[in-house]
Amino acid sequence: MTRILLDPTSERAPAERTRLPRPASLAGRTVGLLDISKPRGDVFLDRLAELLADGGAQVKRYSKPTFTRPAPVDLRHEISQQCEVVIEALAD
């Protein structure tokens, strides 16, 4: 199956990135939940955190200062050092 991913950053020459394999299970893994600071994203992530914890994952929460800009470099670095999997919340 061919999948086309659209880049919402509007880069003129987007970087090619190889997708990492998905883990078979999230049990025992550290999952980062990134709230991009759109309305009600936290509501979605609250419920997702409960479900992940019930499934045996350790959950860490993060949030961007604003949804209008990319996450700061320091935040991205922190997430990459502390988490094995990241889920971003987009909501309105």
N, C-alpha and C. Protein backbone atom coordinates (compact mmCIF):
# COMPACT_ATOMS: atom_id res chain seq x y z
N MET A 1 0.84 -1.17 0.00
CA MET A 1 0.00 0.00 0.00
C MET A 1 0.90 1.25 0.00
N THR A 2 0.66 2.15 -0.90
CA THR A 2 1.41 3.40 -0.97
C THR A 2 0.71 4.44 -0.12
N ARG A 3 1.49 5.13 0.71
CA ARG A 3 0.94 6.19 1.55
C ARG A 3 1.61 7.49 1.19
N ILE A 4 0.83 8.54 1.11
CA ILE A 4 1.36 9.87 0.84
C ILE A 4 1.17 10.70 2.11
N LEU A 5 2.27 11.25 2.62
CA LEU A 5 2.21 12.10 3.79
C LEU A 5 2.38 13.54 3.35
N LEU A 6 1.46 14.38 3.77
CA LEU A 6 1.54 15.80 3.44
C LEU A 6 2.22 16.54 4.56
N ASP A 7 3.13 17.43 4.21
CA ASP A 7 3.89 18.20 5.18
C ASP A 7 3.18 19.52 5.44
N PRO A 8 2.64 19.73 6.65
CA PRO A 8 1.89 20.96 6.94
C PRO A 8 2.78 22.18 7.15
N THR A 9 4.11 22.02 7.10
CA THR A 9 5.00 23.15 7.35
C THR A 9 5.21 24.02 6.12
N SER A 10 4.75 23.59 4.96
CA SER A 10 4.87 24.34 3.72
C SER A 10 6.33 24.56 3.31
N GLU A 11 7.18 23.59 3.63
CA GLU A 11 8.57 23.68 3.23
C GLU A 11 8.66 23.56 1.71
N ARG A 12 9.51 24.35 1.12
CA ARG A 12 9.69 24.29 -0.34
C ARG A 12 10.46 23.04 -0.76
N ALA A 13 11.39 22.61 0.08
CA ALA A 13 12.17 21.40 -0.18
C ALA A 13 12.18 20.56 1.10
N PRO A 14 11.08 19.86 1.37
CA PRO A 14 11.01 19.09 2.62
C PRO A 14 12.10 18.03 2.71
N ALA A 15 12.59 17.84 3.92
CA ALA A 15 13.61 16.82 4.15
C ALA A 15 12.99 15.44 4.08
N GLU A 16 13.72 14.51 3.51
CA GLU A 16 13.27 13.12 3.47
C GLU A 16 13.57 12.49 4.82
N ARG A 17 12.59 11.84 5.40
CA ARG A 17 12.77 11.19 6.68
C ARG A 17 12.26 9.76 6.59
N THR A 18 13.07 8.85 7.05
CA THR A 18 12.67 7.45 7.07
C THR A 18 11.82 7.22 8.31
N ARG A 19 10.68 6.59 8.13
CA ARG A 19 9.81 6.29 9.26
C ARG A 19 10.40 5.15 10.06
N LEU A 20 10.40 5.31 11.37
CA LEU A 20 10.87 4.25 12.26
C LEU A 20 9.79 3.19 12.39
N PRO A 21 10.17 1.95 12.62
CA PRO A 21 9.16 0.91 12.80
C PRO A 21 8.35 1.16 14.07
N ARG A 22 7.09 0.85 14.00
CA ARG A 22 6.22 1.00 15.18
C ARG A 22 6.44 -0.17 16.12
N PRO A 23 6.44 0.11 17.44
CA PRO A 23 6.59 -1.01 18.38
C PRO A 23 5.34 -1.89 18.35
N ALA A 24 5.54 -3.16 18.61
CA ALA A 24 4.42 -4.10 18.62
C ALA A 24 3.44 -3.78 19.75
N SER A 25 3.97 -3.23 20.85
CA SER A 25 3.14 -2.90 22.00
C SER A 25 3.72 -1.66 22.68
N LEU A 26 2.86 -0.93 23.38
CA LEU A 26 3.32 0.23 24.15
C LEU A 26 3.52 -0.12 25.62
N ALA A 27 3.16 -1.33 26.01
CA ALA A 27 3.35 -1.77 27.40
C ALA A 27 4.83 -1.73 27.74
N GLY A 28 5.14 -1.07 28.86
CA GLY A 28 6.52 -0.97 29.30
C GLY A 28 7.33 0.12 28.62
N ARG A 29 6.73 0.82 27.69
CA ARG A 29 7.42 1.90 26.97
C ARG A 29 7.08 3.25 27.59
N THR A 30 7.95 4.22 27.35
CA THR A 30 7.69 5.58 27.79
C THR A 30 7.09 6.34 26.62
N VAL A 31 5.86 6.81 26.80
CA VAL A 31 5.13 7.49 25.75
C VAL A 31 4.99 8.97 26.12
N GLY A 32 5.45 9.84 25.24
CA GLY A 32 5.29 11.27 25.44
C GLY A 32 4.03 11.75 24.77
N LEU A 33 3.24 12.55 25.48
CA LEU A 33 2.04 13.15 24.91
C LEU A 33 2.30 14.64 24.78
N LEU A 34 2.31 15.13 23.55
CA LEU A 34 2.60 16.53 23.28
C LEU A 34 1.32 17.28 22.96
N ASP A 35 0.96 18.19 23.83
CA ASP A 35 -0.20 19.06 23.64
C ASP A 35 0.29 20.28 22.87
N ILE A 36 -0.25 20.51 21.67
CA ILE A 36 0.22 21.63 20.88
C ILE A 36 -0.46 22.94 21.27
N SER A 37 -1.27 22.90 22.31
CA SER A 37 -1.93 24.08 22.88
C SER A 37 -3.10 24.60 22.06
N LYS A 38 -3.77 23.69 21.36
CA LYS A 38 -5.03 24.05 20.71
C LYS A 38 -6.15 23.72 21.70
N PRO A 39 -7.26 24.44 21.58
CA PRO A 39 -8.37 24.19 22.52
C PRO A 39 -8.80 22.71 22.53
N ARG A 40 -8.99 22.19 23.72
CA ARG A 40 -9.49 20.84 24.00
C ARG A 40 -8.51 19.72 23.70
N GLY A 41 -7.29 20.05 23.27
CA GLY A 41 -6.28 19.01 23.08
C GLY A 41 -5.97 18.32 24.38
N ASP A 42 -5.99 19.07 25.47
CA ASP A 42 -5.70 18.50 26.78
C ASP A 42 -6.76 17.49 27.20
N VAL A 43 -8.00 17.72 26.79
CA VAL A 43 -9.09 16.79 27.11
C VAL A 43 -8.84 15.44 26.43
N PHE A 44 -8.46 15.50 25.17
CA PHE A 44 -8.14 14.29 24.42
C PHE A 44 -6.95 13.58 25.06
N LEU A 45 -5.90 14.33 25.39
CA LEU A 45 -4.70 13.72 25.96
C LEU A 45 -4.93 13.17 27.36
N ASP A 46 -5.81 13.79 28.14
CA ASP A 46 -6.14 13.25 29.46
C ASP A 46 -6.68 11.83 29.34
N ARG A 47 -7.61 11.65 28.43
CA ARG A 47 -8.22 10.32 28.24
C ARG A 47 -7.21 9.34 27.66
N LEU A 48 -6.41 9.81 26.71
CA LEU A 48 -5.41 8.95 26.11
C LEU A 48 -4.38 8.52 27.16
N ALA A 49 -3.99 9.43 28.04
CA ALA A 49 -3.05 9.09 29.11
C ALA A 49 -3.60 7.98 29.99
N GLU A 50 -4.89 8.05 30.32
CA GLU A 50 -5.52 7.00 31.13
C GLU A 50 -5.45 5.65 30.42
N LEU A 51 -5.80 5.64 29.14
CA LEU A 51 -5.81 4.39 28.38
C LEU A 51 -4.41 3.81 28.25
N LEU A 52 -3.43 4.67 28.00
CA LEU A 52 -2.05 4.19 27.87
C LEU A 52 -1.54 3.62 29.20
N ALA A 53 -1.81 4.32 30.29
CA ALA A 53 -1.38 3.85 31.61
C ALA A 53 -2.04 2.51 31.95
N ASP A 54 -3.33 2.39 31.62
CA ASP A 54 -4.03 1.13 31.85
C ASP A 54 -3.40 -0.01 31.05
N GLY A 55 -2.80 0.33 29.90
CA GLY A 55 -2.15 -0.67 29.05
C GLY A 55 -0.69 -0.92 29.41
N GLY A 56 -0.22 -0.29 30.48
CA GLY A 56 1.13 -0.57 30.95
C GLY A 56 2.21 0.39 30.48
N ALA A 57 1.84 1.46 29.82
CA ALA A 57 2.83 2.44 29.37
C ALA A 57 3.09 3.47 30.46
N GLN A 58 4.30 3.99 30.48
CA GLN A 58 4.61 5.13 31.34
C GLN A 58 4.37 6.37 30.49
N VAL A 59 3.60 7.32 31.00
CA VAL A 59 3.20 8.50 30.23
C VAL A 59 3.88 9.75 30.77
N LYS A 60 4.44 10.54 29.85
CA LYS A 60 5.01 11.84 30.19
C LYS A 60 4.27 12.88 29.36
N ARG A 61 3.93 14.00 30.00
CA ARG A 61 3.16 15.05 29.33
C ARG A 61 4.04 16.26 29.03
N TYR A 62 3.82 16.84 27.86
CA TYR A 62 4.53 18.03 27.43
C TYR A 62 3.53 18.94 26.72
N SER A 63 3.85 20.23 26.65
CA SER A 63 3.01 21.12 25.86
C SER A 63 3.85 22.22 25.24
N LYS A 64 3.45 22.58 24.03
CA LYS A 64 4.09 23.68 23.33
C LYS A 64 3.55 24.99 23.90
N PRO A 65 4.34 26.07 23.87
CA PRO A 65 3.83 27.34 24.37
C PRO A 65 2.70 27.90 23.49
N THR A 66 2.71 27.59 22.21
CA THR A 66 1.67 28.07 21.29
C THR A 66 1.57 27.11 20.11
N PHE A 67 0.37 26.97 19.57
CA PHE A 67 0.20 26.10 18.41
C PHE A 67 0.66 26.75 17.12
N THR A 68 0.94 28.04 17.15
CA THR A 68 1.29 28.76 15.92
C THR A 68 2.74 28.60 15.50
N ARG A 69 3.56 28.01 16.35
CA ARG A 69 4.98 27.83 16.03
C ARG A 69 5.41 26.40 16.34
N PRO A 70 6.49 25.96 15.68
CA PRO A 70 7.01 24.63 16.01
C PRO A 70 7.44 24.57 17.47
N ALA A 71 7.49 23.38 18.00
CA ALA A 71 7.96 23.19 19.38
C ALA A 71 9.40 23.70 19.49
N PRO A 72 9.74 24.38 20.58
CA PRO A 72 11.10 24.86 20.76
C PRO A 72 12.11 23.70 20.73
N VAL A 73 13.31 23.99 20.28
CA VAL A 73 14.37 22.98 20.17
C VAL A 73 14.61 22.28 21.51
N ASP A 74 14.65 23.04 22.59
CA ASP A 74 14.89 22.43 23.91
C ASP A 74 13.80 21.42 24.27
N LEU A 75 12.55 21.75 23.96
CA LEU A 75 11.44 20.85 24.24
C LEU A 75 11.56 19.59 23.39
N ARG A 76 11.85 19.74 22.12
CA ARG A 76 12.01 18.58 21.24
C ARG A 76 13.14 17.69 21.72
N HIS A 77 14.23 18.29 22.16
CA HIS A 77 15.36 17.51 22.67
C HIS A 77 14.96 16.74 23.93
N GLU A 78 14.29 17.43 24.84
CA GLU A 78 13.84 16.79 26.09
C GLU A 78 12.96 15.58 25.79
N ILE A 79 12.01 15.75 24.90
CA ILE A 79 11.11 14.65 24.53
C ILE A 79 11.90 13.50 23.92
N SER A 80 12.83 13.81 23.03
CA SER A 80 13.59 12.75 22.36
C SER A 80 14.47 11.97 23.33
N GLN A 81 14.90 12.61 24.41
CA GLN A 81 15.75 11.95 25.39
C GLN A 81 14.94 11.12 26.40
N GLN A 82 13.69 11.50 26.64
CA GLN A 82 12.90 10.87 27.69
C GLN A 82 11.87 9.87 27.19
N CYS A 83 11.56 9.88 25.91
CA CYS A 83 10.45 9.06 25.40
C CYS A 83 10.87 8.16 24.26
N GLU A 84 10.18 7.02 24.17
CA GLU A 84 10.39 6.08 23.07
C GLU A 84 9.37 6.28 21.96
N VAL A 85 8.22 6.83 22.33
CA VAL A 85 7.11 7.05 21.40
C VAL A 85 6.50 8.40 21.75
N VAL A 86 6.04 9.14 20.73
CA VAL A 86 5.40 10.44 20.97
C VAL A 86 4.08 10.49 20.23
N ILE A 87 3.07 11.01 20.91
CA ILE A 87 1.76 11.25 20.29
C ILE A 87 1.47 12.73 20.45
N GLU A 88 1.10 13.36 19.36
CA GLU A 88 0.78 14.79 19.36
C GLU A 88 -0.73 14.96 19.30
N ALA A 89 -1.27 15.90 20.07
CA ALA A 89 -2.72 16.13 20.07
C ALA A 89 -3.06 17.33 19.23
N LEU A 90 -3.93 17.11 18.28
CA LEU A 90 -4.49 18.19 17.47
C LEU A 90 -5.99 18.19 17.74
N ALA A 91 -6.50 19.29 18.21
CA ALA A 91 -7.93 19.34 18.53
C ALA A 91 -8.44 20.77 18.40
N ASP A 92 -9.70 20.92 18.38
CA ASP A 92 -10.40 22.21 18.39
C ASP A 92 -11.80 21.98 18.89
